[in-house]
Protein backbone atom coordinates (compact mmCIF):
# COMPACT_ATOMS: atom_id res chain seq x y z
CA UNK A 1 4.20 -59.26 17.06
CA UNK A 2 7.59 -57.56 17.03
CA UNK A 3 7.96 -55.05 14.23
CA UNK A 4 11.03 -55.21 11.97
CA UNK A 5 12.51 -52.27 10.11
CA UNK A 6 14.12 -52.14 6.71
CA UNK A 7 17.50 -50.48 6.35
CA UNK A 8 15.83 -47.71 4.36
CA UNK A 9 13.30 -47.02 7.12
CA UNK A 10 16.00 -47.06 9.80
CA UNK A 11 18.07 -44.58 7.81
CA UNK A 12 15.04 -42.35 7.28
CA UNK A 13 14.21 -42.28 11.00
CA UNK A 14 17.82 -41.62 11.93
CA UNK A 15 17.97 -38.69 9.53
CA UNK A 16 14.70 -37.31 10.84
CA UNK A 17 15.86 -37.64 14.44
CA UNK A 18 19.11 -35.82 13.65
CA UNK A 19 17.21 -33.01 11.94
CA UNK A 20 14.76 -32.64 14.81
CA UNK A 21 17.51 -32.62 17.40
CA UNK A 22 19.21 -29.81 15.51
CA UNK A 23 16.20 -27.56 15.96
CA UNK A 24 14.86 -28.92 19.24
CA UNK A 25 17.62 -30.36 21.44
CA UNK A 26 16.34 -33.15 23.64
CA UNK A 27 13.89 -34.61 21.12
CA UNK A 28 14.99 -37.95 19.73
CA UNK A 29 12.20 -39.14 17.47
CA UNK A 30 9.20 -37.69 15.66
CA UNK A 31 7.08 -39.64 18.17
CA UNK A 32 8.36 -37.22 20.82
CA UNK A 33 6.42 -34.29 19.38
CA UNK A 34 3.84 -32.96 21.79
CA UNK A 35 1.37 -30.09 22.01
CA UNK A 36 1.17 -27.78 19.03
CA UNK A 37 3.94 -29.52 17.08
CA UNK A 38 2.13 -32.83 17.39
CA UNK A 39 -1.14 -31.19 16.32
CA UNK A 40 0.47 -29.56 13.27
CA UNK A 41 2.29 -32.76 12.33
CA UNK A 42 -0.91 -34.80 12.47
CA UNK A 43 -3.05 -32.25 10.63
CA UNK A 44 -0.31 -31.21 8.18
CA UNK A 45 -1.82 -27.75 8.71
CA UNK A 46 -0.88 -24.76 10.84
CA UNK A 47 -3.32 -21.96 11.67
CA UNK A 48 -1.61 -18.59 12.11
CA UNK A 49 -3.25 -15.59 13.74
CA UNK A 50 -2.59 -12.17 12.20
CA UNK A 51 -3.85 -8.60 12.45
CA UNK A 52 -5.56 -7.10 9.41
CA UNK A 53 -4.60 -3.46 9.87
CA UNK A 54 -1.51 -3.12 12.10
CA UNK A 55 0.79 -1.26 9.71
CA UNK A 56 3.70 -1.97 9.38
CA UNK A 57 3.63 -5.16 11.47
CA UNK A 58 0.72 -7.22 10.18
CA UNK A 59 -1.79 -6.13 7.55
CA UNK A 60 -3.26 -6.88 4.15
CA UNK A 61 -1.63 -5.96 0.87
CA UNK A 62 -3.70 -5.08 -2.22
CA UNK A 63 -4.15 -8.79 -2.95
CA UNK A 64 -5.56 -9.41 0.56
CA UNK A 65 -2.44 -11.30 1.63
CA UNK A 66 -0.84 -10.75 5.07
CA UNK A 67 2.37 -8.71 4.95
CA UNK A 68 4.48 -6.74 7.41
CA UNK A 69 7.43 -6.76 9.79
CA UNK A 70 5.90 -9.38 12.09
CA UNK A 71 4.68 -11.44 9.13
CA UNK A 72 8.26 -11.71 7.87
CA UNK A 73 9.26 -13.19 11.25
CA UNK A 74 6.21 -15.46 11.07
CA UNK A 75 7.37 -16.79 7.71
CA UNK A 76 10.73 -17.75 9.21
CA UNK A 77 8.85 -19.68 11.92
CA UNK A 78 6.81 -21.42 9.20
CA UNK A 79 10.00 -22.40 7.37
CA UNK A 80 11.34 -23.88 10.61
CA UNK A 81 8.11 -25.84 11.11
CA UNK A 82 8.33 -27.28 7.59
CA UNK A 83 11.89 -28.44 8.21
CA UNK A 84 11.51 -29.69 11.78
CA UNK A 85 8.26 -31.57 11.11
CA UNK A 86 9.43 -32.74 7.66
CA UNK A 87 6.35 -31.18 6.07
CA UNK A 88 7.58 -29.33 2.97
CA UNK A 89 3.99 -28.94 1.78
CA UNK A 90 2.67 -27.70 5.12
CA UNK A 91 -0.75 -26.09 4.65
CA UNK A 92 -0.87 -22.59 6.17
CA UNK A 93 -4.20 -21.05 7.15
CA UNK A 94 -4.17 -17.35 8.04
CA UNK A 95 -6.87 -16.30 10.50
CA UNK A 96 -7.62 -12.64 11.37
CA UNK A 97 -7.52 -11.86 15.09
CA UNK A 98 -8.22 -8.80 17.25
CA UNK A 99 -6.81 -7.49 20.52
CA UNK A 100 -9.95 -8.77 22.26
CA UNK A 101 -10.00 -12.37 20.95
CA UNK A 102 -6.35 -13.25 20.27
CA UNK A 103 -5.71 -14.95 23.62
CA UNK A 104 -8.93 -16.96 23.68
CA UNK A 105 -8.41 -18.13 20.07
CA UNK A 106 -4.97 -19.41 21.02
CA UNK A 107 -6.15 -21.08 24.22
CA UNK A 108 -9.05 -22.91 22.57
CA UNK A 109 -6.90 -24.19 19.69
CA UNK A 110 -8.42 -22.08 16.93
CA UNK A 111 -4.97 -20.64 16.10
CA UNK A 112 -1.63 -22.36 16.72
CA UNK A 113 0.49 -19.24 17.28
CA UNK A 114 0.64 -15.57 16.42
CA UNK A 115 3.45 -13.08 15.86
CA UNK A 116 1.91 -9.63 15.50
CA UNK A 117 1.86 -6.75 18.01
CA UNK A 118 1.01 -8.51 21.27
CA UNK A 119 2.74 -7.03 24.29
CA UNK A 120 4.40 -9.49 26.65
CA UNK A 121 3.26 -8.67 30.18
CA UNK A 122 2.79 -10.43 33.51
CA UNK A 123 -0.99 -10.60 33.24
CA UNK A 124 -0.93 -12.29 29.84
CA UNK A 125 1.90 -14.59 30.91
CA UNK A 126 -0.59 -16.26 33.26
CA UNK A 127 -2.64 -17.27 30.22
CA UNK A 128 -0.15 -17.87 27.40
CA UNK A 129 3.59 -18.20 26.77
CA UNK A 130 5.71 -15.65 24.91
CA UNK A 131 8.68 -16.16 22.64
CA UNK A 132 11.84 -14.12 22.37
CA UNK A 133 10.82 -10.54 21.65
CA UNK A 134 10.29 -9.22 18.12
CA UNK A 135 10.13 -5.54 18.88
CA UNK A 136 10.42 -2.96 21.66
CA UNK A 137 8.13 0.05 21.70
CA UNK A 138 7.25 3.08 23.81
CA UNK A 139 3.59 3.98 24.45
CA UNK A 140 3.05 7.55 23.22
CA UNK A 141 0.50 9.83 21.57
CA UNK A 142 -0.52 10.78 18.04
CA UNK A 143 -2.11 14.22 17.62
CA UNK A 144 -2.62 16.87 14.99
CA UNK A 145 0.29 19.29 14.80
CA UNK A 146 -1.88 22.26 15.69
CA UNK A 147 -3.69 20.51 18.56
CA UNK A 148 -1.50 21.88 21.33
CA UNK A 149 -0.93 18.35 22.63
CA UNK A 150 2.74 17.89 23.42
CA UNK A 151 2.67 15.51 26.39
CA UNK A 152 0.25 13.50 28.52
CA UNK A 153 -0.25 16.42 30.91
CA UNK A 154 -1.95 18.30 28.06
CA UNK A 155 -4.73 15.68 27.96
CA UNK A 156 -6.46 17.00 31.08
CA UNK A 157 -10.17 17.40 30.32
CA UNK A 158 -9.66 16.15 26.74
CA UNK A 159 -11.09 13.19 24.80
CA UNK A 160 -8.53 10.49 24.04
CA UNK A 161 -8.99 7.34 21.94
CA UNK A 162 -7.21 4.07 22.66
CA UNK A 163 -7.50 0.47 21.49
CA UNK A 164 -9.85 -1.70 23.53
CA UNK A 165 -8.09 -4.46 25.45
CA UNK A 166 -4.60 -3.03 24.93
CA UNK A 167 -1.94 -2.27 27.51
CA UNK A 168 -2.21 1.38 26.45
CA UNK A 169 -5.84 1.41 27.60
CA UNK A 170 -4.85 0.05 31.01
CA UNK A 171 -2.10 2.66 31.38
CA UNK A 172 -4.32 5.52 30.22
CA UNK A 173 -7.20 4.64 32.53
CA UNK A 174 -4.84 4.33 35.50
CA UNK A 175 -3.25 7.68 34.64
CA UNK A 176 -6.71 9.27 34.44
CA UNK A 177 -7.58 8.09 37.95
CA UNK A 178 -4.20 8.62 39.60
CA UNK A 179 -3.67 12.13 38.21
CA UNK A 180 -7.36 13.16 38.32
CA UNK A 181 -7.16 14.27 34.68
CA UNK A 182 -10.86 14.07 33.86
CA UNK A 183 -10.14 12.61 30.43
CA UNK A 184 -12.95 11.19 28.32
CA UNK A 185 -11.57 7.89 27.08
CA UNK A 186 -12.95 6.20 23.96
CA UNK A 187 -12.15 2.50 23.51
CA UNK A 188 -11.88 1.66 19.80
CA UNK A 189 -12.08 -1.85 18.37
CA UNK A 190 -8.88 -1.53 16.31
CA UNK A 191 -6.17 0.84 15.09
CA UNK A 192 -8.16 2.04 12.09
CA UNK A 193 -11.15 2.98 14.23
CA UNK A 194 -8.84 4.77 16.66
CA UNK A 195 -7.29 6.85 13.90
CA UNK A 196 -10.70 7.62 12.37
CA UNK A 197 -11.83 8.92 15.75
CA UNK A 198 -8.75 11.16 15.90
CA UNK A 199 -8.83 12.36 12.30
CA UNK A 200 -12.52 13.33 12.45
CA UNK A 201 -12.00 15.42 15.56
CA UNK A 202 -13.88 13.21 17.99
CA UNK A 203 -10.68 12.77 19.99
CA UNK A 204 -7.83 15.15 20.64
CA UNK A 205 -5.18 12.45 20.75
CA UNK A 206 -4.68 8.76 20.21
CA UNK A 207 -2.54 6.60 22.52
CA UNK A 208 -0.76 3.54 21.21
CA UNK A 209 2.65 1.97 20.66
CA UNK A 210 4.92 4.48 18.91
CA UNK A 211 5.77 2.21 15.97
CA UNK A 212 2.07 1.56 15.34
CA UNK A 213 1.39 5.29 15.53
CA UNK A 214 3.98 5.76 12.78
CA UNK A 215 2.07 3.21 10.72
CA UNK A 216 -1.28 4.92 11.25
CA UNK A 217 0.22 8.29 10.35
CA UNK A 218 1.60 6.81 7.14
CA UNK A 219 -1.89 5.75 6.04
CA UNK A 220 -3.32 9.24 5.98
CA UNK A 221 -3.37 11.55 2.98
CA UNK A 222 -1.25 14.17 4.77
CA UNK A 223 1.12 12.48 7.23
CA UNK A 224 2.87 15.78 7.89
CA UNK A 225 -0.27 17.05 9.65
CA UNK A 226 0.26 14.64 12.55
CA UNK A 227 2.95 14.34 15.19
CA UNK A 228 4.03 11.48 17.46
CA UNK A 229 4.59 13.05 20.85
CA UNK A 230 4.62 12.57 24.61
CA UNK A 231 6.95 10.97 27.13
CA UNK A 232 6.70 7.18 26.79
CA UNK A 233 4.49 5.81 29.56
CA UNK A 234 6.01 2.36 29.24
CA UNK A 235 8.53 0.40 27.25
CA UNK A 236 7.05 -2.86 26.08
CA UNK A 237 8.14 -5.91 24.14
CA UNK A 238 6.16 -7.67 21.43
CA UNK A 239 6.51 -11.43 21.35
CA UNK A 240 4.93 -14.35 19.53
CA UNK A 241 2.21 -16.07 21.57
CA UNK A 242 2.13 -19.84 21.95
CA UNK A 243 0.06 -21.99 24.27
CA UNK A 244 1.08 -21.95 27.91
CA UNK A 245 3.20 -24.93 28.86
CA UNK A 246 3.98 -25.78 25.23
CA UNK A 247 7.75 -26.04 25.70
CA UNK A 248 8.53 -27.51 22.28
CA UNK A 249 6.67 -24.85 20.30
CA UNK A 250 8.15 -22.04 22.36
CA UNK A 251 11.62 -23.48 21.87
CA UNK A 252 11.18 -23.66 18.10
CA UNK A 253 9.91 -20.08 17.88
CA UNK A 254 12.61 -18.79 20.27
CA UNK A 255 15.36 -20.39 18.21
CA UNK A 256 13.93 -19.02 14.97
CA UNK A 257 13.74 -15.46 16.27
CA UNK A 258 17.21 -15.59 17.84
CA UNK A 259 18.71 -16.77 14.56
CA UNK A 260 16.95 -14.06 12.54
CA UNK A 261 17.94 -11.29 14.95
CA UNK A 262 21.60 -12.23 15.42
CA UNK A 263 22.29 -13.15 11.78
CA UNK A 264 21.60 -9.69 10.38
CA UNK A 265 18.32 -10.79 8.80
CA UNK A 266 16.41 -8.96 11.52
CA UNK A 267 18.12 -5.66 10.69
CA UNK A 268 17.21 -6.12 7.03
CA UNK A 269 13.57 -6.81 7.94
CA UNK A 270 13.57 -3.67 10.10
CA UNK A 271 15.05 -1.55 7.30
CA UNK A 272 12.48 -2.92 4.84
CA UNK A 273 9.46 -1.93 6.96
CA UNK A 274 10.59 1.16 8.87
CA UNK A 275 13.18 2.91 6.71
CA UNK A 276 12.00 2.40 3.12
CA UNK A 277 8.66 3.04 1.35
CA UNK A 278 6.04 0.41 2.15
CA UNK A 279 2.59 -0.51 0.81
CA UNK A 280 -0.11 0.60 0.42
CA UNK A 281 0.94 4.21 -0.29
CA UNK A 282 4.71 3.69 -0.56
CA UNK A 283 5.26 6.01 2.40
CA UNK A 284 8.51 5.81 4.33
CA UNK A 285 7.76 5.62 8.06
CA UNK A 286 11.28 6.99 8.72
CA UNK A 287 11.41 5.33 12.14
CA UNK A 288 15.09 4.61 12.94
CA UNK A 289 16.00 1.60 15.04
CA UNK A 290 16.19 2.47 18.73
CA UNK A 291 19.08 1.58 21.03
CA UNK A 292 16.71 -0.82 22.81
CA UNK A 293 16.08 -2.65 19.55
CA UNK A 294 19.81 -2.83 18.82
CA UNK A 295 20.38 -4.39 22.23
CA UNK A 296 17.57 -6.88 21.61
CA UNK A 297 19.00 -7.98 18.27
CA UNK A 298 22.45 -8.42 19.84
CA UNK A 299 21.05 -10.49 22.73
CA UNK A 300 17.60 -11.96 21.98
CA UNK A 301 15.50 -12.57 25.08
CA UNK A 302 11.93 -12.99 26.30
CA UNK A 303 11.99 -10.41 29.12
CA UNK A 304 8.72 -8.77 30.16
CA UNK A 305 10.47 -5.48 30.85
CA UNK A 306 13.04 -5.13 28.08
CA UNK A 307 14.66 -2.01 29.54
CA UNK A 308 14.96 -3.20 33.15
CA UNK A 309 18.45 -2.67 34.50
């Protein structure tokens, strides 16, 4: 039997189609949603992965709510989902993830996307898709001021801690073999465990993304006792992860990030988390925006190597 539509229903669908097309060009009707957007629309729920202790990107506040630089970008994505899917009361579930399980949780549908501190690289691109970049970092070292560690060459014969499953671990282990440095490398489960290993003297230095090192230093009672040092071993871009082949979800996230970064909102988010006092100790990370970040905000992109000429 042929279905008939009231004028009200026709008007509603036309308005919805216009709204969707504004965010996702090429989509005509809500029935065209696929992949993650279809899943979220049907469930009226989105599951967001986040890190519990990645200051200042993604971590808990005193009320056990996710906050941080990356979480602010995530909230813009959530606003876009509410509008595009016409779900003003979208239910948001926040699920803690780790560097070891974040990809598998995305692939098996446990989380719908994550915007935290995940480096976009060629290996991961075979498993997931990445959005426009959120941040550009250099991989460096954190050490005590009196440790004598000034660069990676000073790590010969020393114990170094690094996060398990991170790009820093891959780089460090390769450096150890290639340069015959005889380092003793400890793989920690997360940033907090890495810093504890450093602060208790079980490691001479800690390798990680420089912005994260600034966050770990800010947590300690005496931040002035630690120094971020060493020639960057890589420049890497953080992006939001979405499921591989999910064109619609990637497009929505890409558009959200591009709008935030080019509108000036991105610069305000950066200032909030890197140049002013932040929870939990109201410490100012005092980490000025790099030229690479300024270029990214001027021209948002999803490049693997953000500094490639």
